[in-house]
All heavy atoms as atom14 arrays in JSON, in Angstrom:
{
  "sequence": "FLPTQAAETDSVPYICDTVPLLTDTERTSLEAQAEEI",
  "atom14_mask": [
    [1, 1, 1, 1, 1, 1, 1, 1, 1, 1, 1, 0, 0, 0],
    [1, 1, 1, 1, 1, 1, 1, 1, 0, 0, 0, 0, 0, 0],
    [1, 1, 1, 1, 1, 1, 1, 0, 0, 0, 0, 0, 0, 0],
    [1, 1, 1, 1, 1, 1, 1, 0, 0, 0, 0, 0, 0, 0],
    [1, 1, 1, 1, 1, 1, 1, 1, 1, 0, 0, 0, 0, 0],
    [1, 1, 1, 1, 1, 0, 0, 0, 0, 0, 0, 0, 0, 0],
    [1, 1, 1, 1, 1, 0, 0, 0, 0, 0, 0, 0, 0, 0],
    [1, 1, 1, 1, 1, 1, 1, 1, 1, 0, 0, 0, 0, 0],
    [1, 1, 1, 1, 1, 1, 1, 0, 0, 0, 0, 0, 0, 0],
    [1, 1, 1, 1, 1, 1, 1, 1, 0, 0, 0, 0, 0, 0],
    [1, 1, 1, 1, 1, 1, 0, 0, 0, 0, 0, 0, 0, 0],
    [1, 1, 1, 1, 1, 1, 1, 0, 0, 0, 0, 0, 0, 0],
    [1, 1, 1, 1, 1, 1, 1, 0, 0, 0, 0, 0, 0, 0],
    [1, 1, 1, 1, 1, 1, 1, 1, 1, 1, 1, 1, 0, 0],
    [1, 1, 1, 1, 1, 1, 1, 1, 0, 0, 0, 0, 0, 0],
    [1, 1, 1, 1, 1, 1, 0, 0, 0, 0, 0, 0, 0, 0],
    [1, 1, 1, 1, 1, 1, 1, 1, 0, 0, 0, 0, 0, 0],
    [1, 1, 1, 1, 1, 1, 1, 0, 0, 0, 0, 0, 0, 0],
    [1, 1, 1, 1, 1, 1, 1, 0, 0, 0, 0, 0, 0, 0],
    [1, 1, 1, 1, 1, 1, 1, 0, 0, 0, 0, 0, 0, 0],
    [1, 1, 1, 1, 1, 1, 1, 1, 0, 0, 0, 0, 0, 0],
    [1, 1, 1, 1, 1, 1, 1, 1, 0, 0, 0, 0, 0, 0],
    [1, 1, 1, 1, 1, 1, 1, 0, 0, 0, 0, 0, 0, 0],
    [1, 1, 1, 1, 1, 1, 1, 1, 0, 0, 0, 0, 0, 0],
    [1, 1, 1, 1, 1, 1, 1, 0, 0, 0, 0, 0, 0, 0],
    [1, 1, 1, 1, 1, 1, 1, 1, 1, 0, 0, 0, 0, 0],
    [1, 1, 1, 1, 1, 1, 1, 1, 1, 1, 1, 0, 0, 0],
    [1, 1, 1, 1, 1, 1, 1, 0, 0, 0, 0, 0, 0, 0],
    [1, 1, 1, 1, 1, 1, 0, 0, 0, 0, 0, 0, 0, 0],
    [1, 1, 1, 1, 1, 1, 1, 1, 0, 0, 0, 0, 0, 0],
    [1, 1, 1, 1, 1, 1, 1, 1, 1, 0, 0, 0, 0, 0],
    [1, 1, 1, 1, 1, 0, 0, 0, 0, 0, 0, 0, 0, 0],
    [1, 1, 1, 1, 1, 1, 1, 1, 1, 0, 0, 0, 0, 0],
    [1, 1, 1, 1, 1, 0, 0, 0, 0, 0, 0, 0, 0, 0],
    [1, 1, 1, 1, 1, 1, 1, 1, 1, 0, 0, 0, 0, 0],
    [1, 1, 1, 1, 1, 1, 1, 1, 1, 0, 0, 0, 0, 0],
    [1, 1, 1, 1, 1, 1, 1, 1, 0, 0, 0, 0, 0, 0]
  ],
  "atom14_positions": [
    [[-10.08, -82.64, 32.61], [-11.44, -83.04, 32.27], [-12.34, -83.13, 33.47], [-13.52, -82.81, 33.42], [-11.4, -84.38, 31.54], [-10.66, -84.38, 30.24], [-9.37, -84.84, 30.15], [-11.27, -83.85, 29.11], [-8.67, -84.8, 28.95], [-10.59, -83.79, 27.91], [-9.28, -84.29, 27.83], [0.0, 0.0, 0.0], [0.0, 0.0, 0.0], [0.0, 0.0, 0.0]],
    [[-11.81, -83.61, 34.6], [-12.58, -83.75, 35.8], [-11.87, -83.0, 36.9], [-11.05, -83.56, 37.61], [-12.76, -85.26, 36.17], [-13.5, -86.09, 35.17], [-13.48, -87.56, 35.61], [-14.92, -85.6, 35.02], [0.0, 0.0, 0.0], [0.0, 0.0, 0.0], [0.0, 0.0, 0.0], [0.0, 0.0, 0.0], [0.0, 0.0, 0.0], [0.0, 0.0, 0.0]],
    [[-12.21, -81.73, 37.15], [-11.48, -80.9, 38.1], [-11.46, -81.41, 39.51], [-10.59, -81.1, 40.28], [-12.22, -79.54, 38.01], [-12.85, -79.52, 36.67], [-13.21, -80.94, 36.41], [0.0, 0.0, 0.0], [0.0, 0.0, 0.0], [0.0, 0.0, 0.0], [0.0, 0.0, 0.0], [0.0, 0.0, 0.0], [0.0, 0.0, 0.0], [0.0, 0.0, 0.0]],
    [[-12.43, -82.22, 39.93], [-12.52, -82.68, 41.29], [-11.97, -84.08, 41.45], [-11.96, -84.63, 42.54], [-13.98, -82.68, 41.78], [-14.75, -83.56, 40.95], [-14.53, -81.28, 41.73], [0.0, 0.0, 0.0], [0.0, 0.0, 0.0], [0.0, 0.0, 0.0], [0.0, 0.0, 0.0], [0.0, 0.0, 0.0], [0.0, 0.0, 0.0], [0.0, 0.0, 0.0]],
    [[-11.5, -84.7, 40.39], [-10.97, -86.04, 40.44], [-9.5, -86.02, 40.85], [-8.74, -85.18, 40.46], [-11.1, -86.68, 39.07], [-10.77, -88.17, 39.04], [-11.99, -89.03, 39.34], [-13.07, -88.54, 39.39], [-11.73, -90.31, 39.6], [0.0, 0.0, 0.0], [0.0, 0.0, 0.0], [0.0, 0.0, 0.0], [0.0, 0.0, 0.0], [0.0, 0.0, 0.0]],
    [[-9.09, -86.99, 41.67], [-7.7, -87.11, 42.11], [-6.84, -87.55, 40.91], [-7.34, -88.16, 39.94], [-7.56, -88.15, 43.21], [0.0, 0.0, 0.0], [0.0, 0.0, 0.0], [0.0, 0.0, 0.0], [0.0, 0.0, 0.0], [0.0, 0.0, 0.0], [0.0, 0.0, 0.0], [0.0, 0.0, 0.0], [0.0, 0.0, 0.0], [0.0, 0.0, 0.0]],
    [[-5.57, -87.27, 40.96], [-4.7, -87.44, 39.8], [-4.34, -88.87, 39.48], [-3.72, -89.14, 38.49], [-3.43, -86.62, 40.0], [0.0, 0.0, 0.0], [0.0, 0.0, 0.0], [0.0, 0.0, 0.0], [0.0, 0.0, 0.0], [0.0, 0.0, 0.0], [0.0, 0.0, 0.0], [0.0, 0.0, 0.0], [0.0, 0.0, 0.0], [0.0, 0.0, 0.0]],
    [[-4.76, -89.84, 40.36], [-4.39, -91.24, 40.04], [-5.24, -91.84, 38.96], [-5.04, -92.96, 38.56], [-4.4, -92.1, 41.3], [-5.75, -92.23, 41.96], [-5.9, -91.25, 43.13], [-5.49, -90.11, 42.97], [-6.41, -91.66, 44.2], [0.0, 0.0, 0.0], [0.0, 0.0, 0.0], [0.0, 0.0, 0.0], [0.0, 0.0, 0.0], [0.0, 0.0, 0.0]],
    [[-6.26, -91.12, 38.48], [-7.1, -91.61, 37.39], [-6.48, -91.22, 36.07], [-5.59, -90.39, 36.0], [-8.52, -91.07, 37.48], [-8.47, -89.66, 37.22], [-9.13, -91.28, 38.86], [0.0, 0.0, 0.0], [0.0, 0.0, 0.0], [0.0, 0.0, 0.0], [0.0, 0.0, 0.0], [0.0, 0.0, 0.0], [0.0, 0.0, 0.0], [0.0, 0.0, 0.0]],
    [[-6.99, -91.83, 35.01], [-6.44, -91.6, 33.69], [-7.08, -90.36, 33.06], [-6.78, -90.0, 31.91], [-6.65, -92.79, 32.78], [-5.82, -93.99, 33.23], [-4.72, -93.74, 33.81], [-6.26, -95.14, 33.03], [0.0, 0.0, 0.0], [0.0, 0.0, 0.0], [0.0, 0.0, 0.0], [0.0, 0.0, 0.0], [0.0, 0.0, 0.0], [0.0, 0.0, 0.0]],
    [[-8.02, -89.68, 33.75], [-8.79, -88.59, 33.14], [-8.09, -87.26, 33.23], [-8.48, -86.31, 32.56], [-10.18, -88.51, 33.78], [-10.04, -88.29, 35.16], [0.0, 0.0, 0.0], [0.0, 0.0, 0.0], [0.0, 0.0, 0.0], [0.0, 0.0, 0.0], [0.0, 0.0, 0.0], [0.0, 0.0, 0.0], [0.0, 0.0, 0.0], [0.0, 0.0, 0.0]],
    [[-7.05, -87.12, 34.06], [-6.39, -85.87, 34.26], [-4.97, -85.96, 33.75], [-4.16, -86.64, 34.33], [-6.41, -85.43, 35.73], [-5.7, -84.1, 35.89], [-7.83, -85.36, 36.25], [0.0, 0.0, 0.0], [0.0, 0.0, 0.0], [0.0, 0.0, 0.0], [0.0, 0.0, 0.0], [0.0, 0.0, 0.0], [0.0, 0.0, 0.0], [0.0, 0.0, 0.0]],
    [[-4.65, -85.26, 32.65], [-3.29, -85.31, 32.13], [-2.3, -84.56, 33.02], [-2.69, -83.66, 33.76], [-3.39, -84.68, 30.74], [-4.58, -83.77, 30.86], [-5.52, -84.45, 31.81], [0.0, 0.0, 0.0], [0.0, 0.0, 0.0], [0.0, 0.0, 0.0], [0.0, 0.0, 0.0], [0.0, 0.0, 0.0], [0.0, 0.0, 0.0], [0.0, 0.0, 0.0]],
    [[-1.06, -84.89, 32.92], [-0.04, -84.25, 33.73], [0.67, -83.15, 32.95], [1.24, -82.25, 33.55], [0.97, -85.31, 34.17], [0.4, -86.37, 35.04], [0.0, -87.6, 34.45], [0.22, -86.23, 36.38], [-0.56, -88.6, 35.22], [-0.34, -87.2, 37.16], [-0.74, -88.41, 36.6], [-1.29, -89.39, 37.34], [0.0, 0.0, 0.0], [0.0, 0.0, 0.0]],
    [[0.61, -83.22, 31.65], [1.21, -82.17, 30.8], [0.09, -81.37, 30.15], [-0.67, -81.89, 29.3], [2.11, -82.8, 29.68], [3.12, -83.75, 30.28], [2.78, -81.67, 28.87], [4.11, -83.11, 31.26], [0.0, 0.0, 0.0], [0.0, 0.0, 0.0], [0.0, 0.0, 0.0], [0.0, 0.0, 0.0], [0.0, 0.0, 0.0], [0.0, 0.0, 0.0]],
    [[-0.09, -80.12, 30.64], [-1.15, -79.27, 30.11], [-0.48, -78.07, 29.43], [-0.23, -77.05, 30.06], [-2.05, -78.84, 31.25], [-3.47, -77.86, 30.72], [0.0, 0.0, 0.0], [0.0, 0.0, 0.0], [0.0, 0.0, 0.0], [0.0, 0.0, 0.0], [0.0, 0.0, 0.0], [0.0, 0.0, 0.0], [0.0, 0.0, 0.0], [0.0, 0.0, 0.0]],
    [[-0.29, -78.18, 28.12], [0.4, -77.17, 27.37], [-0.65, -76.35, 26.55], [-0.94, -76.65, 25.44], [1.38, -77.86, 26.43], [2.15, -76.91, 25.57], [2.33, -75.74, 26.0], [2.59, -77.28, 24.45], [0.0, 0.0, 0.0], [0.0, 0.0, 0.0], [0.0, 0.0, 0.0], [0.0, 0.0, 0.0], [0.0, 0.0, 0.0], [0.0, 0.0, 0.0]],
    [[-1.16, -75.29, 27.17], [-2.26, -74.56, 26.52], [-1.74, -73.49, 25.58], [-2.54, -72.89, 24.87], [-3.12, -73.85, 27.62], [-2.36, -72.8, 28.26], [-3.63, -74.85, 28.62], [0.0, 0.0, 0.0], [0.0, 0.0, 0.0], [0.0, 0.0, 0.0], [0.0, 0.0, 0.0], [0.0, 0.0, 0.0], [0.0, 0.0, 0.0], [0.0, 0.0, 0.0]],
    [[-0.43, -73.21, 25.49], [0.05, -72.09, 24.72], [-0.13, -72.32, 23.19], [-0.72, -71.41, 22.53], [1.51, -71.74, 25.11], [2.1, -70.65, 24.17], [1.55, -71.25, 26.56], [0.0, 0.0, 0.0], [0.0, 0.0, 0.0], [0.0, 0.0, 0.0], [0.0, 0.0, 0.0], [0.0, 0.0, 0.0], [0.0, 0.0, 0.0], [0.0, 0.0, 0.0]],
    [[0.29, -73.4, 22.54], [1.15, -74.49, 23.05], [2.63, -74.23, 22.71], [2.99, -73.51, 21.78], [0.63, -75.69, 22.3], [0.21, -75.13, 20.96], [-0.25, -73.7, 21.21], [0.0, 0.0, 0.0], [0.0, 0.0, 0.0], [0.0, 0.0, 0.0], [0.0, 0.0, 0.0], [0.0, 0.0, 0.0], [0.0, 0.0, 0.0], [0.0, 0.0, 0.0]],
    [[3.49, -74.95, 23.45], [4.95, -74.88, 23.24], [5.52, -76.2, 22.71], [6.57, -76.2, 22.11], [5.67, -74.54, 24.54], [5.25, -73.22, 25.23], [5.96, -73.1, 26.57], [5.56, -72.05, 24.32], [0.0, 0.0, 0.0], [0.0, 0.0, 0.0], [0.0, 0.0, 0.0], [0.0, 0.0, 0.0], [0.0, 0.0, 0.0], [0.0, 0.0, 0.0]],
    [[4.77, -77.27, 22.9], [5.23, -78.61, 22.52], [4.52, -79.13, 21.3], [3.36, -78.76, 21.05], [5.02, -79.6, 23.68], [5.61, -79.23, 25.04], [5.09, -80.15, 26.12], [7.12, -79.27, 25.0], [0.0, 0.0, 0.0], [0.0, 0.0, 0.0], [0.0, 0.0, 0.0], [0.0, 0.0, 0.0], [0.0, 0.0, 0.0], [0.0, 0.0, 0.0]],
    [[5.17, -79.97, 20.55], [4.49, -80.66, 19.44], [3.64, -81.78, 20.01], [3.82, -82.18, 21.18], [5.54, -81.25, 18.44], [6.26, -82.3, 19.13], [6.5, -80.18, 17.96], [0.0, 0.0, 0.0], [0.0, 0.0, 0.0], [0.0, 0.0, 0.0], [0.0, 0.0, 0.0], [0.0, 0.0, 0.0], [0.0, 0.0, 0.0], [0.0, 0.0, 0.0]],
    [[2.76, -82.31, 19.19], [1.91, -83.43, 19.67], [2.74, -84.63, 20.06], [2.44, -85.29, 21.08], [0.91, -83.83, 18.56], [-0.13, -82.75, 18.31], [-0.35, -81.91, 19.2], [-0.77, -82.77, 17.25], [0.0, 0.0, 0.0], [0.0, 0.0, 0.0], [0.0, 0.0, 0.0], [0.0, 0.0, 0.0], [0.0, 0.0, 0.0], [0.0, 0.0, 0.0]],
    [[3.77, -84.91, 19.32], [4.63, -86.04, 19.61], [5.37, -85.84, 20.95], [5.44, -86.73, 21.76], [5.66, -86.24, 18.51], [4.97, -86.48, 17.26], [6.58, -87.44, 18.81], [0.0, 0.0, 0.0], [0.0, 0.0, 0.0], [0.0, 0.0, 0.0], [0.0, 0.0, 0.0], [0.0, 0.0, 0.0], [0.0, 0.0, 0.0], [0.0, 0.0, 0.0]],
    [[5.87, -84.63, 21.15], [6.57, -84.31, 22.4], [5.65, -84.4, 23.6], [5.98, -84.97, 24.61], [7.2, -82.93, 22.33], [8.36, -82.8, 21.34], [8.8, -81.38, 21.1], [8.0, -80.44, 21.37], [9.93, -81.18, 20.59], [0.0, 0.0, 0.0], [0.0, 0.0, 0.0], [0.0, 0.0, 0.0], [0.0, 0.0, 0.0], [0.0, 0.0, 0.0]],
    [[4.45, -83.86, 23.42], [3.49, -83.89, 24.53], [3.06, -85.28, 24.9], [2.96, -85.62, 26.06], [2.25, -83.03, 24.12], [1.25, -82.86, 25.28], [0.27, -81.73, 24.94], [-0.4, -81.94, 23.69], [-0.13, -81.18, 22.57], [0.8, -80.24, 22.65], [-0.77, -81.38, 21.47], [0.0, 0.0, 0.0], [0.0, 0.0, 0.0], [0.0, 0.0, 0.0]],
    [[2.88, -86.13, 23.91], [2.47, -87.51, 24.15], [3.57, -88.24, 24.92], [3.3, -88.98, 25.87], [2.15, -88.23, 22.84], [1.08, -87.56, 22.17], [1.8, -89.7, 23.07], [0.0, 0.0, 0.0], [0.0, 0.0, 0.0], [0.0, 0.0, 0.0], [0.0, 0.0, 0.0], [0.0, 0.0, 0.0], [0.0, 0.0, 0.0], [0.0, 0.0, 0.0]],
    [[4.8, -88.03, 24.47], [5.92, -88.74, 25.13], [6.11, -88.25, 26.55], [6.33, -89.08, 27.51], [7.18, -88.46, 24.31], [8.34, -88.98, 24.97], [0.0, 0.0, 0.0], [0.0, 0.0, 0.0], [0.0, 0.0, 0.0], [0.0, 0.0, 0.0], [0.0, 0.0, 0.0], [0.0, 0.0, 0.0], [0.0, 0.0, 0.0], [0.0, 0.0, 0.0]],
    [[6.04, -86.94, 26.78], [6.21, -86.39, 28.1], [5.08, -86.75, 29.03], [5.26, -86.94, 30.25], [6.38, -84.86, 28.0], [7.66, -84.39, 27.29], [7.58, -82.9, 27.02], [8.87, -84.67, 28.15], [0.0, 0.0, 0.0], [0.0, 0.0, 0.0], [0.0, 0.0, 0.0], [0.0, 0.0, 0.0], [0.0, 0.0, 0.0], [0.0, 0.0, 0.0]],
    [[3.87, -86.81, 28.48], [2.71, -87.22, 29.28], [2.89, -88.66, 29.81], [2.63, -88.93, 30.98], [1.43, -87.16, 28.42], [0.19, -87.73, 29.1], [-0.28, -86.89, 30.28], [0.04, -85.73, 30.37], [-0.97, -87.47, 31.11], [0.0, 0.0, 0.0], [0.0, 0.0, 0.0], [0.0, 0.0, 0.0], [0.0, 0.0, 0.0], [0.0, 0.0, 0.0]],
    [[3.38, -89.54, 28.96], [3.61, -90.94, 29.37], [4.69, -90.98, 30.47], [4.58, -91.78, 31.44], [4.03, -91.77, 28.16], [0.0, 0.0, 0.0], [0.0, 0.0, 0.0], [0.0, 0.0, 0.0], [0.0, 0.0, 0.0], [0.0, 0.0, 0.0], [0.0, 0.0, 0.0], [0.0, 0.0, 0.0], [0.0, 0.0, 0.0], [0.0, 0.0, 0.0]],
    [[5.72, -90.17, 30.33], [6.79, -90.15, 31.3], [6.29, -89.62, 32.63], [6.57, -90.16, 33.73], [7.95, -89.31, 30.84], [9.13, -89.25, 31.79], [10.27, -88.35, 31.29], [10.19, -87.78, 30.19], [11.34, -88.24, 32.08], [0.0, 0.0, 0.0], [0.0, 0.0, 0.0], [0.0, 0.0, 0.0], [0.0, 0.0, 0.0], [0.0, 0.0, 0.0]],
    [[5.53, -88.52, 32.59], [4.97, -87.93, 33.83], [4.03, -88.89, 34.53], [4.04, -89.0, 35.78], [4.27, -86.62, 33.51], [0.0, 0.0, 0.0], [0.0, 0.0, 0.0], [0.0, 0.0, 0.0], [0.0, 0.0, 0.0], [0.0, 0.0, 0.0], [0.0, 0.0, 0.0], [0.0, 0.0, 0.0], [0.0, 0.0, 0.0], [0.0, 0.0, 0.0]],
    [[3.22, -89.57, 33.76], [2.28, -90.54, 34.35], [3.0, -91.68, 35.05], [2.64, -92.1, 36.15], [1.33, -91.11, 33.3], [0.31, -92.08, 33.86], [-0.61, -92.63, 32.79], [-0.5, -92.17, 31.62], [-1.42, -93.5, 33.1], [0.0, 0.0, 0.0], [0.0, 0.0, 0.0], [0.0, 0.0, 0.0], [0.0, 0.0, 0.0], [0.0, 0.0, 0.0]],
    [[4.04, -92.19, 34.4], [4.82, -93.29, 34.98], [5.47, -92.84, 36.3], [5.45, -93.58, 37.27], [5.9, -93.74, 33.98], [6.76, -94.89, 34.53], [7.81, -95.32, 33.52], [7.81, -94.75, 32.41], [8.63, -96.19, 33.91], [0.0, 0.0, 0.0], [0.0, 0.0, 0.0], [0.0, 0.0, 0.0], [0.0, 0.0, 0.0], [0.0, 0.0, 0.0]],
    [[6.05, -91.66, 36.32], [6.73, -91.15, 37.52], [5.69, -91.0, 38.64], [5.89, -91.37, 39.78], [7.41, -89.81, 37.25], [8.55, -89.98, 36.26], [7.9, -89.18, 38.55], [9.15, -88.67, 35.75], [0.0, 0.0, 0.0], [0.0, 0.0, 0.0], [0.0, 0.0, 0.0], [0.0, 0.0, 0.0], [0.0, 0.0, 0.0], [0.0, 0.0, 0.0]]
  ]
}
């Protein structure tokens, strides 16, 4: 959403599945895991 913003904000997701390959549930779970890490 904000290309110039550093990744420590909540505006830039860590899982960007544009194909898509993941279900919504999988993407939400993996996003939370990636953010925590």
